[in-house]
C-alpha cells in the first residue's frame, strides 16, 4: 500500500533534495504500531533534518516530522481507530516521521489523545508546546510565583517561546518577551506579554561576575551569550529553564550567581522525557493549562506546503506554530 509523504534524499554528498512522493508502507520501520496520520506540526528539528543535518538524521532518504497525531491502524495495545499522538522520542529523526500519511512506531511512544484537546490542537502544541509546558512546570516546581517579579521569555516569537508566553500569562505572571523582530510585538502582546524588549538588550560584555537582578524567572530558548547574561542577571532565588542553543552551544559563566543568589539553572529534555511524565503533562495542557490562544499561536498549511515552510523556518522567518494537515 502506498501513501503520500515528504521525502528528503541525498542526491550527492552534502546535497539534499526534497519532494512529496508516494512511499510504500513496507518502507516504514518494523515496529508494532501503525498510525494513520491526520495532523503534524513543524519544529526546528524538522528544519534541520530537512536541510540534511546529520546530527539530527544520520541516513537518507528520510521523512521528517517529530510530531504526529492520528488514529490507530494496527496496535498490540489499542483498538483500531483510537485517537493518539506521538511527540518526540526518535520520530522524525532516524525513524520515518509525521510528515507523511502513515508512521510505524513502538507502542511505548504512543499516547492516547488527552480529553480536552482535538488532534489538531495537540499538534498546535506539539513538541514545542510540550517543551514550553515542561519549562513552565519546572519553574513552578522550583517555587516561582507571580508575586516574585517579571518572567523573561527569550526567542519569544519561536514555537517554544510563543507557547511559553501564552502559558505564563494565563498563569498570572508578568511576562517580558525578548524578540529580534519589532513587527511581531503586537502579536506577542496579544498572546499575553506585558512588554517587549529587543533581544539585543540581553547582551553585556563588562565581564562583571554578576549584574543587576532583573528577572524572577526565565524561559530561555536560544542559548549561547544570552544564557550567559541571564545567569548573571537573575534575582535572588531566580530560576531559569532552558532548552535551546540556536546562538551557541557553550556556556561561559561563574559560580557567584549560584552560591550568592541561589540561582537554579534547569535544562529541559523533550524527546526522551519518560512516557509517564509526558502523559501527565499532556493532561495539564489539555485541562487546567489549556490555552485560549491556540489559534492565535498557529497557522495551518498542507503537506504540499511543508518544503517552503521548513526552508523559511531554517532561516528564522516563521513565528509561533505551524500545524500541518496531512
C-alpha atoms as a PDB file:
ATOM      1  CA  UNK A   1       0.000   0.000   0.000  1.00  0.00           C
ATOM      2  CA  UNK A   2       1.325   3.433  -0.922  1.00  0.00           C
ATOM      3  CA  UNK A   3       0.959   6.693   0.978  1.00  0.00           C
ATOM      4  CA  UNK A   4       1.900  10.331   0.459  1.00  0.00           C
ATOM      5  CA  UNK A   5       4.903  11.768   2.309  1.00  0.00           C
ATOM      6  CA  UNK A   6       7.614  14.392   2.218  1.00  0.00           C
ATOM      7  CA  UNK A   7      10.864  12.644   1.308  1.00  0.00           C
ATOM      8  CA  UNK A   8      14.346  14.162   1.621  1.00  0.00           C
ATOM      9  CA  UNK A   9      17.100  12.439  -0.345  1.00  0.00           C
ATOM     10  CA  UNK A  10      20.868  12.907  -0.505  1.00  0.00           C
ATOM     11  CA  UNK A  11      21.486  13.096  -4.238  1.00  0.00           C
ATOM     12  CA  UNK A  12      25.209  13.703  -3.776  1.00  0.00           C
ATOM     13  CA  UNK A  13      27.443  14.182  -0.722  1.00  0.00           C
ATOM     14  CA  UNK A  14      26.028  17.151   1.242  1.00  0.00           C
ATOM     15  CA  UNK A  15      23.459  17.803  -1.494  1.00  0.00           C
ATOM     16  CA  UNK A  16      19.849  17.244  -0.468  1.00  0.00           C
ATOM     17  CA  UNK A  17      16.656  17.291  -2.489  1.00  0.00           C
ATOM     18  CA  UNK A  18      13.041  17.031  -1.416  1.00  0.00           C
ATOM     19  CA  UNK A  19       9.693  16.099  -2.926  1.00  0.00           C
ATOM     20  CA  UNK A  20       6.204  14.975  -1.989  1.00  0.00           C
ATOM     21  CA  UNK A  21       6.163  11.351  -3.138  1.00  0.00           C
ATOM     22  CA  UNK A  22       4.280   8.084  -2.853  1.00  0.00           C
ATOM     23  CA  UNK A  23       6.009   5.727  -0.413  1.00  0.00           C
ATOM     24  CA  UNK A  24       5.339   2.068   0.328  1.00  0.00           C
ATOM     25  CA  UNK A  25       4.190   1.051   3.800  1.00  0.00           C
ATOM     26  CA  UNK A  26       6.801  -1.693   3.591  1.00  0.00           C
ATOM     27  CA  UNK A  27       9.466   1.049   3.720  1.00  0.00           C
ATOM     28  CA  UNK A  28       8.423   2.006   7.254  1.00  0.00           C
ATOM     29  CA  UNK A  29      10.354   0.630  10.251  1.00  0.00           C
ATOM     30  CA  UNK A  30       9.357  -2.759  11.645  1.00  0.00           C
ATOM     31  CA  UNK A  31       7.662  -1.524  14.807  1.00  0.00           C
ATOM     32  CA  UNK A  32       4.442  -2.803  16.366  1.00  0.00           C
ATOM     33  CA  UNK A  33       2.102   0.199  15.962  1.00  0.00           C
ATOM     34  CA  UNK A  34       0.823   1.612  12.662  1.00  0.00           C
ATOM     35  CA  UNK A  35      -0.837   5.032  12.777  1.00  0.00           C
ATOM     36  CA  UNK A  36      -2.699   6.886  10.043  1.00  0.00           C
ATOM     37  CA  UNK A  37      -1.536  10.473  10.492  1.00  0.00           C
ATOM     38  CA  UNK A  38      -4.110  13.262  10.240  1.00  0.00           C
ATOM     39  CA  UNK A  39      -2.116  16.202  11.604  1.00  0.00           C
ATOM     40  CA  UNK A  40       1.517  17.090  12.195  1.00  0.00           C
ATOM     41  CA  UNK A  41       3.424  20.274  13.002  1.00  0.00           C
ATOM     42  CA  UNK A  42       6.778  21.855  12.234  1.00  0.00           C
ATOM     43  CA  UNK A  43       9.620  22.128  14.708  1.00  0.00           C
ATOM     44  CA  UNK A  44      13.196  23.335  14.370  1.00  0.00           C
ATOM     45  CA  UNK A  45      14.475  19.740  14.388  1.00  0.00           C
ATOM     46  CA  UNK A  46      12.368  19.154  11.277  1.00  0.00           C
ATOM     47  CA  UNK A  47      14.028  22.100   9.558  1.00  0.00           C
ATOM     48  CA  UNK A  48      17.440  20.658  10.434  1.00  0.00           C
ATOM     49  CA  UNK A  49      16.516  17.172   9.205  1.00  0.00           C
ATOM     50  CA  UNK A  50      15.034  18.697   6.045  1.00  0.00           C
ATOM     51  CA  UNK A  51      18.326  20.564   5.490  1.00  0.00           C
ATOM     52  CA  UNK A  52      20.402  17.383   5.748  1.00  0.00           C
ATOM     53  CA  UNK A  53      21.807  17.897   9.226  1.00  0.00           C
ATOM     54  CA  UNK A  54      23.491  14.556  10.046  1.00  0.00           C
ATOM     55  CA  UNK A  55      23.446  15.424  13.745  1.00  0.00           C
ATOM     56  CA  UNK A  56      19.661  15.026  13.585  1.00  0.00           C
ATOM     57  CA  UNK A  57      19.184  12.435  10.828  1.00  0.00           C
ATOM     58  CA  UNK A  58      22.003  10.049  10.020  1.00  0.00           C
ATOM     59  CA  UNK A  59      20.593   8.293   6.974  1.00  0.00           C
ATOM     60  CA  UNK A  60      18.630   9.429   3.930  1.00  0.00           C
ATOM     61  CA  UNK A  61      16.174   9.138   2.201  1.00  0.00           C
ATOM     62  CA  UNK A  62      14.072  10.206   5.142  1.00  0.00           C
ATOM     63  CA  UNK A  63      10.678  11.669   6.065  1.00  0.00           C
ATOM     64  CA  UNK A  64      10.971  14.340   8.800  1.00  0.00           C
ATOM     65  CA  UNK A  65       8.308  15.177  11.357  1.00  0.00           C
ATOM     66  CA  UNK A  66       8.912  14.834  15.102  1.00  0.00           C
ATOM     67  CA  UNK A  67       5.167  15.214  15.800  1.00  0.00           C
ATOM     68  CA  UNK A  68       2.197  13.176  14.624  1.00  0.00           C
ATOM     69  CA  UNK A  69      -1.479  12.905  15.561  1.00  0.00           C
ATOM     70  CA  UNK A  70      -3.888  10.407  14.064  1.00  0.00           C
ATOM     71  CA  UNK A  71      -5.691   7.116  14.561  1.00  0.00           C
ATOM     72  CA  UNK A  72      -4.522   3.576  15.262  1.00  0.00           C
ATOM     73  CA  UNK A  73      -4.476   1.185  12.321  1.00  0.00           C
ATOM     74  CA  UNK A  74      -2.552  -1.646  13.996  1.00  0.00           C
ATOM     75  CA  UNK A  75      -1.527  -1.953  17.651  1.00  0.00           C
ATOM     76  CA  UNK A  76      -0.961  -4.659  20.254  1.00  0.00           C
ATOM     77  CA  UNK A  77      -2.451  -2.387  22.934  1.00  0.00           C
ATOM     78  CA  UNK A  78      -5.024  -0.008  21.432  1.00  0.00           C
ATOM     79  CA  UNK A  79      -8.138  -0.576  19.341  1.00  0.00           C
ATOM     80  CA  UNK A  80      -8.211   0.419  15.698  1.00  0.00           C
ATOM     81  CA  UNK A  81      -9.497   3.985  15.360  1.00  0.00           C
ATOM     82  CA  UNK A  82      -8.202   5.163  18.753  1.00  0.00           C
ATOM     83  CA  UNK A  83      -7.035   8.769  18.523  1.00  0.00           C
ATOM     84  CA  UNK A  84      -3.369   9.062  19.526  1.00  0.00           C
ATOM     85  CA  UNK A  85      -0.373  11.351  19.442  1.00  0.00           C
ATOM     86  CA  UNK A  86       3.354  10.673  19.119  1.00  0.00           C
ATOM     87  CA  UNK A  87       5.649  13.500  20.170  1.00  0.00           C
ATOM     88  CA  UNK A  88       9.418  13.214  20.393  1.00  0.00           C
ATOM     89  CA  UNK A  89      11.474  10.089  21.044  1.00  0.00           C
ATOM     90  CA  UNK A  90      13.167   9.236  17.721  1.00  0.00           C
ATOM     91  CA  UNK A  91      10.200  10.084  15.497  1.00  0.00           C
ATOM     92  CA  UNK A  92      11.255  12.210  12.547  1.00  0.00           C
ATOM     93  CA  UNK A  93      14.923  11.979  13.441  1.00  0.00           C
ATOM     94  CA  UNK A  94      16.061   8.499  12.414  1.00  0.00           C
ATOM     95  CA  UNK A  95      12.564   6.995  12.368  1.00  0.00           C
ATOM     96  CA  UNK A  96      10.300   7.950   9.460  1.00  0.00           C
ATOM     97  CA  UNK A  97       8.273  10.894  10.734  1.00  0.00           C
ATOM     98  CA  UNK A  98       4.917  12.582  10.840  1.00  0.00           C
ATOM     99  CA  UNK A  99       5.159  14.494   7.535  1.00  0.00           C
ATOM    100  CA  UNK A 100       3.576  11.517   5.815  1.00  0.00           C
ATOM    101  CA  UNK A 101       0.218   9.774   5.887  1.00  0.00           C
ATOM    102  CA  UNK A 102       1.469   6.810   7.940  1.00  0.00           C
ATOM    103  CA  UNK A 103       4.035   6.154  10.656  1.00  0.00           C
ATOM    104  CA  UNK A 104       5.066   2.894  12.307  1.00  0.00           C
ATOM    105  CA  UNK A 105       6.469   3.270  15.826  1.00  0.00           C
ATOM    106  CA  UNK A 106       6.980   1.315  19.064  1.00  0.00           C
ATOM    107  CA  UNK A 107       3.845   1.160  21.214  1.00  0.00           C
ATOM    108  CA  UNK A 108       5.725   2.750  24.124  1.00  0.00           C
ATOM    109  CA  UNK A 109       5.976   6.002  22.162  1.00  0.00           C
ATOM    110  CA  UNK A 110       2.204   6.319  21.767  1.00  0.00           C
ATOM    111  CA  UNK A 111      -0.081   8.461  23.943  1.00  0.00           C
ATOM    112  CA  UNK A 112      -3.858   8.349  23.720  1.00  0.00           C
ATOM    113  CA  UNK A 113      -5.150  11.796  22.829  1.00  0.00           C
ATOM    114  CA  UNK A 114      -5.984  13.616  26.060  1.00  0.00           C
ATOM    115  CA  UNK A 115      -9.596  14.617  26.529  1.00  0.00           C
ATOM    116  CA  UNK A 116      -9.935  18.365  26.193  1.00  0.00           C
ATOM    117  CA  UNK A 117      -7.775  18.692  23.084  1.00  0.00           C
ATOM    118  CA  UNK A 118      -8.558  17.774  19.491  1.00  0.00           C
ATOM    119  CA  UNK A 119      -5.890  16.089  17.384  1.00  0.00           C
ATOM    120  CA  UNK A 120      -5.350  19.395  15.609  1.00  0.00           C
ATOM    121  CA  UNK A 121      -4.942  21.250  18.918  1.00  0.00           C
ATOM    122  CA  UNK A 122      -2.444  18.642  20.071  1.00  0.00           C
ATOM    123  CA  UNK A 123      -0.365  19.466  17.024  1.00  0.00           C
ATOM    124  CA  UNK A 124      -0.687  23.212  17.519  1.00  0.00           C
ATOM    125  CA  UNK A 125       1.189  22.480  20.732  1.00  0.00           C
ATOM    126  CA  UNK A 126       3.339  19.579  19.508  1.00  0.00           C
ATOM    127  CA  UNK A 127       6.927  19.204  20.647  1.00  0.00           C
ATOM    128  CA  UNK A 128       7.378  22.958  21.010  1.00  0.00           C
ATOM    129  CA  UNK A 129       4.285  23.335  23.181  1.00  0.00           C
ATOM    130  CA  UNK A 130       5.185  20.288  25.234  1.00  0.00           C
ATOM    131  CA  UNK A 131       8.681  21.704  25.767  1.00  0.00           C
ATOM    132  CA  UNK A 132       7.220  25.063  26.806  1.00  0.00           C
ATOM    133  CA  UNK A 133       4.911  23.230  29.195  1.00  0.00           C
ATOM    134  CA  UNK A 134       7.884  21.466  30.768  1.00  0.00           C
ATOM    135  CA  UNK A 135       9.659  24.804  31.166  1.00  0.00           C
ATOM    136  CA  UNK A 136       6.676  26.316  32.956  1.00  0.00           C
ATOM    137  CA  UNK A 137       6.180  23.206  35.084  1.00  0.00           C
ATOM    138  CA  UNK A 138       9.777  23.258  36.313  1.00  0.00           C
ATOM    139  CA  UNK A 139       9.559  26.981  37.110  1.00  0.00           C
ATOM    140  CA  UNK A 140       6.504  26.317  39.259  1.00  0.00           C
ATOM    141  CA  UNK A 141       8.075  23.283  40.912  1.00  0.00           C
ATOM    142  CA  UNK A 142      11.017  25.453  41.919  1.00  0.00           C
ATOM    143  CA  UNK A 143       8.858  27.951  43.736  1.00  0.00           C
ATOM    144  CA  UNK A 144       8.289  30.656  41.142  1.00  0.00           C
ATOM    145  CA  UNK A 145       5.074  32.586  41.799  1.00  0.00           C
ATOM    146  CA  UNK A 146       3.615  35.681  40.079  1.00  0.00           C
ATOM    147  CA  UNK A 147       4.302  37.924  43.075  1.00  0.00           C
ATOM    148  CA  UNK A 148       8.076  37.449  42.771  1.00  0.00           C
ATOM    149  CA  UNK A 149       8.525  39.616  39.697  1.00  0.00           C
ATOM    150  CA  UNK A 150       8.864  39.587  35.944  1.00  0.00           C
ATOM    151  CA  UNK A 151       9.465  36.413  33.977  1.00  0.00           C
ATOM    152  CA  UNK A 152      11.510  36.683  30.799  1.00  0.00           C
ATOM    153  CA  UNK A 153      10.942  34.577  27.678  1.00  0.00           C
ATOM    154  CA  UNK A 154      13.722  34.667  25.083  1.00  0.00           C
ATOM    155  CA  UNK A 155      13.196  33.722  21.449  1.00  0.00           C
ATOM    156  CA  UNK A 156       9.600  34.674  22.148  1.00  0.00           C
ATOM    157  CA  UNK A 157       8.371  34.531  18.554  1.00  0.00           C
ATOM    158  CA  UNK A 158       9.523  30.920  18.109  1.00  0.00           C
ATOM    159  CA  UNK A 159       7.464  27.833  18.784  1.00  0.00           C
ATOM    160  CA  UNK A 160       8.602  27.185  22.362  1.00  0.00           C
ATOM    161  CA  UNK A 161       8.826  30.856  23.257  1.00  0.00           C
ATOM    162  CA  UNK A 162       5.400  31.845  21.992  1.00  0.00           C
ATOM    163  CA  UNK A 163       3.647  28.979  23.786  1.00  0.00           C
ATOM    164  CA  UNK A 164       5.591  29.802  26.958  1.00  0.00           C
ATOM    165  CA  UNK A 165       4.389  33.417  26.757  1.00  0.00           C
ATOM    166  CA  UNK A 166       0.771  32.265  26.498  1.00  0.00           C
ATOM    167  CA  UNK A 167       1.056  29.682  29.303  1.00  0.00           C
ATOM    168  CA  UNK A 168       2.843  32.003  31.728  1.00  0.00           C
ATOM    169  CA  UNK A 169       0.442  34.883  31.054  1.00  0.00           C
ATOM    170  CA  UNK A 170      -2.546  32.600  31.647  1.00  0.00           C
ATOM    171  CA  UNK A 171      -0.981  31.569  34.981  1.00  0.00           C
ATOM    172  CA  UNK A 172      -0.882  35.210  36.083  1.00  0.00           C
ATOM    173  CA  UNK A 173       2.804  36.010  35.523  1.00  0.00           C
ATOM    174  CA  UNK A 174       4.055  39.357  34.256  1.00  0.00           C
ATOM    175  CA  UNK A 175       5.772  38.193  31.088  1.00  0.00           C
ATOM    176  CA  UNK A 176       8.520  40.099  29.301  1.00  0.00           C
ATOM    177  CA  UNK A 177       9.136  38.828  25.773  1.00  0.00           C
ATOM    178  CA  UNK A 178      12.531  39.249  24.120  1.00  0.00           C
ATOM    179  CA  UNK A 179      12.462  39.359  20.317  1.00  0.00           C
ATOM    180  CA  UNK A 180      14.602  40.491  17.396  1.00  0.00           C
ATOM    181  CA  UNK A 181      11.524  41.347  15.329  1.00  0.00           C
ATOM    182  CA  UNK A 182       9.674  44.521  16.407  1.00  0.00           C
ATOM    183  CA  UNK A 183       6.948  43.826  13.838  1.00  0.00           C
ATOM    184  CA  UNK A 184       5.749  40.898  15.961  1.00  0.00           C
ATOM    185  CA  UNK A 185       5.330  42.960  19.129  1.00  0.00           C
ATOM    186  CA  UNK A 186       1.551  43.349  18.784  1.00  0.00           C
ATOM    187  CA  UNK A 187       1.177  39.594  18.307  1.00  0.00           C
ATOM    188  CA  UNK A 188       3.209  38.890  21.454  1.00  0.00           C
ATOM    189  CA  UNK A 189       1.109  41.366  23.428  1.00  0.00           C
ATOM    190  CA  UNK A 190      -1.996  39.543  22.220  1.00  0.00           C
ATOM    191  CA  UNK A 191      -0.520  36.266  23.486  1.00  0.00           C
ATOM    192  CA  UNK A 192      -0.178  37.833  26.926  1.00  0.00           C
ATOM    193  CA  UNK A 193       3.222  39.555  27.124  1.00  0.00           C
ATOM    194  CA  UNK A 194       3.150  42.700  29.278  1.00  0.00           C
ATOM    195  CA  UNK A 195       6.025  44.282  27.430  1.00  0.00           C
ATOM    196  CA  UNK A 196       8.567  43.546  24.707  1.00  0.00           C
ATOM    197  CA  UNK A 197      12.301  44.128  24.817  1.00  0.00           C
ATOM    198  CA  UNK A 198      14.761  43.837  21.922  1.00  0.00           C
ATOM    199  CA  UNK A 199      16.904  40.719  22.131  1.00  0.00           C
ATOM    200  CA  UNK A 200      19.950  42.971  21.825  1.00  0.00           C
ATOM    201  CA  UNK A 201      19.183  44.246  25.341  1.00  0.00           C
ATOM    202  CA  UNK A 202      20.335  40.867  26.633  1.00  0.00           C
ATOM    203  CA  UNK A 203      23.956  41.416  25.637  1.00  0.00           C
ATOM    204  CA  UNK A 204      26.654  42.529  28.046  1.00  0.00           C
ATOM    205  CA  UNK A 205      30.444  42.477  27.847  1.00  0.00           C
ATOM    206  CA  UNK A 206      31.579  44.206  31.053  1.00  0.00           C
ATOM    207  CA  UNK A 207      32.979  40.964  32.443  1.00  0.00           C
ATOM    208  CA  UNK A 208      31.273  41.550  35.815  1.00  0.00           C
ATOM    209  CA  UNK A 209      30.559  38.239  37.564  1.00  0.00           C
ATOM    210  CA  UNK A 210      27.060  39.435  38.484  1.00  0.00           C
ATOM    211  CA  UNK A 211      24.705  42.057  37.071  1.00  0.00           C
ATOM    212  CA  UNK A 212      21.640  43.798  38.463  1.00  0.00           C
ATOM    213  CA  UNK A 213      18.991  41.217  39.337  1.00  0.00           C
ATOM    214  CA  UNK A 214      16.149  41.820  36.894  1.00  0.00           C
ATOM    215  CA  UNK A 215      14.165  38.611  36.431  1.00  0.00           C
ATOM    216  CA  UNK A 216      12.440  36.289  38.890  1.00  0.00           C
ATOM    217  CA  UNK A 217      12.331  33.535  36.283  1.00  0.00           C
ATOM    218  CA  UNK A 218      13.132  32.893  32.662  1.00  0.00           C
ATOM    219  CA  UNK A 219      12.323  30.519  29.836  1.00  0.00           C
ATOM    220  CA  UNK A 220      15.495  30.631  27.752  1.00  0.00           C
ATOM    221  CA  UNK A 221      15.258  29.169  24.240  1.00  0.00           C
ATOM    222  CA  UNK A 222      18.308  30.487  22.367  1.00  0.00           C
ATOM    223  CA  UNK A 223      21.409  29.631  24.433  1.00  0.00           C
ATOM    224  CA  UNK A 224      24.908  30.990  23.976  1.00  0.00           C
ATOM    225  CA  UNK A 225      25.653  34.567  25.094  1.00  0.00           C
ATOM    226  CA  UNK A 226      22.013  35.207  26.035  1.00  0.00           C
ATOM    227  CA  UNK A 227      22.014  32.391  28.570  1.00  0.00           C
ATOM    228  CA  UNK A 228      25.345  33.620  29.897  1.00  0.00           C
ATOM    229  CA  UNK A 229      23.944  37.096  30.556  1.00  0.00           C
ATOM    230  CA  UNK A 230      20.809  35.670  32.165  1.00  0.00           C
ATOM    231  CA  UNK A 231      22.785  33.620  34.673  1.00  0.00           C
ATOM    232  CA  UNK A 232      24.330  36.883  35.887  1.00  0.00           C
ATOM    233  CA  UNK A 233      21.140  38.977  35.903  1.00  0.00           C
ATOM    234  CA  UNK A 234      18.565  36.916  37.805  1.00  0.00           C
ATOM    235  CA  UNK A 235      17.062  37.978  41.102  1.00  0.00           C
ATOM    236  CA  UNK A 236      17.838  36.161  44.335  1.00  0.00           C
ATOM    237  CA  UNK A 237      16.493  32.591  44.097  1.00  0.00           C
ATOM    238  CA  UNK A 238      15.806  33.136  40.401  1.00  0.00           C
ATOM    239  CA  UNK A 239      15.018  30.150  38.180  1.00  0.00           C
ATOM    240  CA  UNK A 240      15.999  29.635  34.528  1.00  0.00           C
ATOM    241  CA  UNK A 241      14.671  26.788  32.414  1.00  0.00           C
ATOM    242  CA  UNK A 242      16.488  26.435  29.112  1.00  0.00           C
ATOM    243  CA  UNK A 243      16.033  24.275  26.049  1.00  0.00           C
ATOM    244  CA  UNK A 244      17.756  25.853  23.041  1.00  0.00           C
ATOM    245  CA  UNK A 245      21.140  26.516  21.512  1.00  0.00           C
ATOM    246  CA  UNK A 246      20.413  28.450  18.332  1.00  0.00           C
ATOM    247  CA  UNK A 247      23.017  31.098  19.153  1.00  0.00           C
ATOM    248  CA  UNK A 248      25.609  28.794  20.683  1.00  0.00           C
ATOM    249  CA  UNK A 249      26.314  25.529  22.481  1.00  0.00           C
ATOM    250  CA  UNK A 250      28.842  26.822  25.004  1.00  0.00           C
ATOM    251  CA  UNK A 251      28.022  28.452  28.332  1.00  0.00           C
ATOM    252  CA  UNK A 252      30.562  30.787  29.937  1.00  0.00           C
ATOM    253  CA  UNK A 253      29.612  31.830  33.431  1.00  0.00           C
ATOM    254  CA  UNK A 254      30.900  31.746  37.023  1.00  0.00           C
ATOM    255  CA  UNK A 255      29.811  30.351  40.355  1.00  0.00           C
ATOM    256  CA  UNK A 256      28.775  33.611  42.053  1.00  0.00           C
ATOM    257  CA  UNK A 257      25.140  33.710  40.841  1.00  0.00           C
ATOM    258  CA  UNK A 258      24.699  30.137  42.039  1.00  0.00           C
ATOM    259  CA  UNK A 259      26.244  30.446  45.509  1.00  0.00           C
ATOM    260  CA  UNK A 260      25.388  34.088  46.316  1.00  0.00           C
ATOM    261  CA  UNK A 261      21.944  34.356  44.723  1.00  0.00           C
ATOM    262  CA  UNK A 262      20.902  30.703  44.819  1.00  0.00           C
ATOM    263  CA  UNK A 263      20.301  30.601  41.078  1.00  0.00           C
ATOM    264  CA  UNK A 264      18.640  27.465  39.673  1.00  0.00           C
ATOM    265  CA  UNK A 265      19.533  26.574  36.087  1.00  0.00           C
ATOM    266  CA  UNK A 266      17.398  23.725  34.749  1.00  0.00           C
ATOM    267  CA  UNK A 267      17.843  22.005  31.396  1.00  0.00           C
ATOM    268  CA  UNK A 268      14.722  20.708  29.659  1.00  0.00           C
ATOM    269  CA  UNK A 269      14.770  17.499  27.631  1.00  0.00           C
ATOM    270  CA  UNK A 270      11.770  16.860  25.432  1.00  0.00           C
ATOM    271  CA  UNK A 271      12.385  13.942  23.089  1.00  0.00           C
ATOM    272  CA  UNK A 272      13.450  11.434  25.755  1.00  0.00           C
ATOM    273  CA  UNK A 273      11.179  12.634  28.548  1.00  0.00           C
ATOM    274  CA  UNK A 274       9.773   9.414  30.148  1.00  0.00           C
ATOM    275  CA  UNK A 275       6.344   8.446  28.859  1.00  0.00           C
ATOM    276  CA  UNK A 276       4.540   8.679  32.249  1.00  0.00           C
ATOM    277  CA  UNK A 277       5.786  12.254  32.656  1.00  0.00           C
ATOM    278  CA  UNK A 278       4.711  13.053  29.099  1.00  0.00           C
ATOM    279  CA  UNK A 279       1.208  11.735  29.746  1.00  0.00           C
ATOM    280  CA  UNK A 280       0.889  13.728  32.972  1.00  0.00           C
ATOM    281  CA  UNK A 281       1.944  16.989  31.347  1.00  0.00           C
ATOM    282  CA  UNK A 282      -0.333  16.431  28.346  1.00  0.00           C
ATOM    283  CA  UNK A 283      -3.229  16.114  30.781  1.00  0.00           C
ATOM    284  CA  UNK A 284      -2.334  19.537  32.188  1.00  0.00           C
ATOM    285  CA  UNK A 285      -2.057  21.066  28.717  1.00  0.00           C
ATOM    286  CA  UNK A 286      -5.488  19.655  27.891  1.00  0.00           C
ATOM    287  CA  UNK A 287      -7.026  20.619  31.233  1.00  0.00           C
ATOM    288  CA  UNK A 288      -6.238  23.433  33.650  1.00  0.00           C
ATOM    289  CA  UNK A 289      -3.419  24.739  31.463  1.00  0.00           C
ATOM    290  CA  UNK A 290      -5.339  24.709  28.195  1.00  0.00           C
ATOM    291  CA  UNK A 291      -4.646  27.985  26.445  1.00  0.00           C
ATOM    292  CA  UNK A 292      -7.346  30.075  24.789  1.00  0.00           C
ATOM    293  CA  UNK A 293      -4.619  31.391  22.467  1.00  0.00           C
ATOM    294  CA  UNK A 294      -4.077  28.197  20.484  1.00  0.00           C
ATOM    295  CA  UNK A 295      -5.481  29.585  17.245  1.00  0.00           C
ATOM    296  CA  UNK A 296      -3.549  32.832  17.659  1.00  0.00           C
ATOM    297  CA  UNK A 297      -0.379  30.769  18.055  1.00  0.00           C
ATOM    298  CA  UNK A 298      -0.618  28.931  14.760  1.00  0.00           C
ATOM    299  CA  UNK A 299      -1.071  28.932  11.044  1.00  0.00           C
ATOM    300  CA  UNK A 300      -2.284  25.887   9.110  1.00  0.00           C
ATOM    301  CA  UNK A 301      -0.663  24.541   5.955  1.00  0.00           C
ATOM    302  CA  UNK A 302      -0.938  21.444   3.752  1.00  0.00           C
ATOM    303  CA  UNK A 303       1.671  18.715   3.443  1.00  0.00           C
ATOM    304  CA  UNK A 304       2.497  20.114  -0.015  1.00  0.00           C
ATOM    305  CA  UNK A 305       3.439  23.442   1.604  1.00  0.00           C
ATOM    306  CA  UNK A 306       5.974  21.990   4.033  1.00  0.00           C
ATOM    307  CA  UNK A 307       9.153  22.340   1.901  1.00  0.00           C
ATOM    308  CA  UNK A 308       8.768  26.120   1.686  1.00  0.00           C
ATOM    309  CA  UNK A 309       7.735  26.388   5.338  1.00  0.00           C
ATOM    310  CA  UNK A 310      10.696  24.323   6.537  1.00  0.00           C
ATOM    311  CA  UNK A 311      13.118  26.371   4.455  1.00  0.00           C
ATOM    312  CA  UNK A 312      11.667  29.539   5.991  1.00  0.00           C
ATOM    313  CA  UNK A 313      11.944  28.058   9.487  1.00  0.00           C
ATOM    314  CA  UNK A 314      15.617  27.271   8.949  1.00  0.00           C
ATOM    315  CA  UNK A 315      16.135  30.945   8.064  1.00  0.00           C
ATOM    316  CA  UNK A 316      14.207  32.193  11.126  1.00  0.00           C
ATOM    317  CA  UNK A 317      11.355  33.581   9.038  1.00  0.00           C
ATOM    318  CA  UNK A 318       8.463  31.915  10.860  1.00  0.00           C
ATOM    319  CA  UNK A 319       6.600  32.762  14.041  1.00  0.00           C
ATOM    320  CA  UNK A 320       4.709  30.672  16.553  1.00  0.00           C
ATOM    321  CA  UNK A 321       3.494  27.259  15.488  1.00  0.00           C
ATOM    322  CA  UNK A 322       2.812  25.768  12.067  1.00  0.00           C
ATOM    323  CA  UNK A 323       0.268  22.932  12.031  1.00  0.00           C
ATOM    324  CA  UNK A 324       0.184  20.615   9.013  1.00  0.00           C
ATOM    325  CA  UNK A 325      -2.980  18.992   7.685  1.00  0.00           C
ATOM    326  CA  UNK A 326      -1.951  15.601   6.382  1.00  0.00           C
END
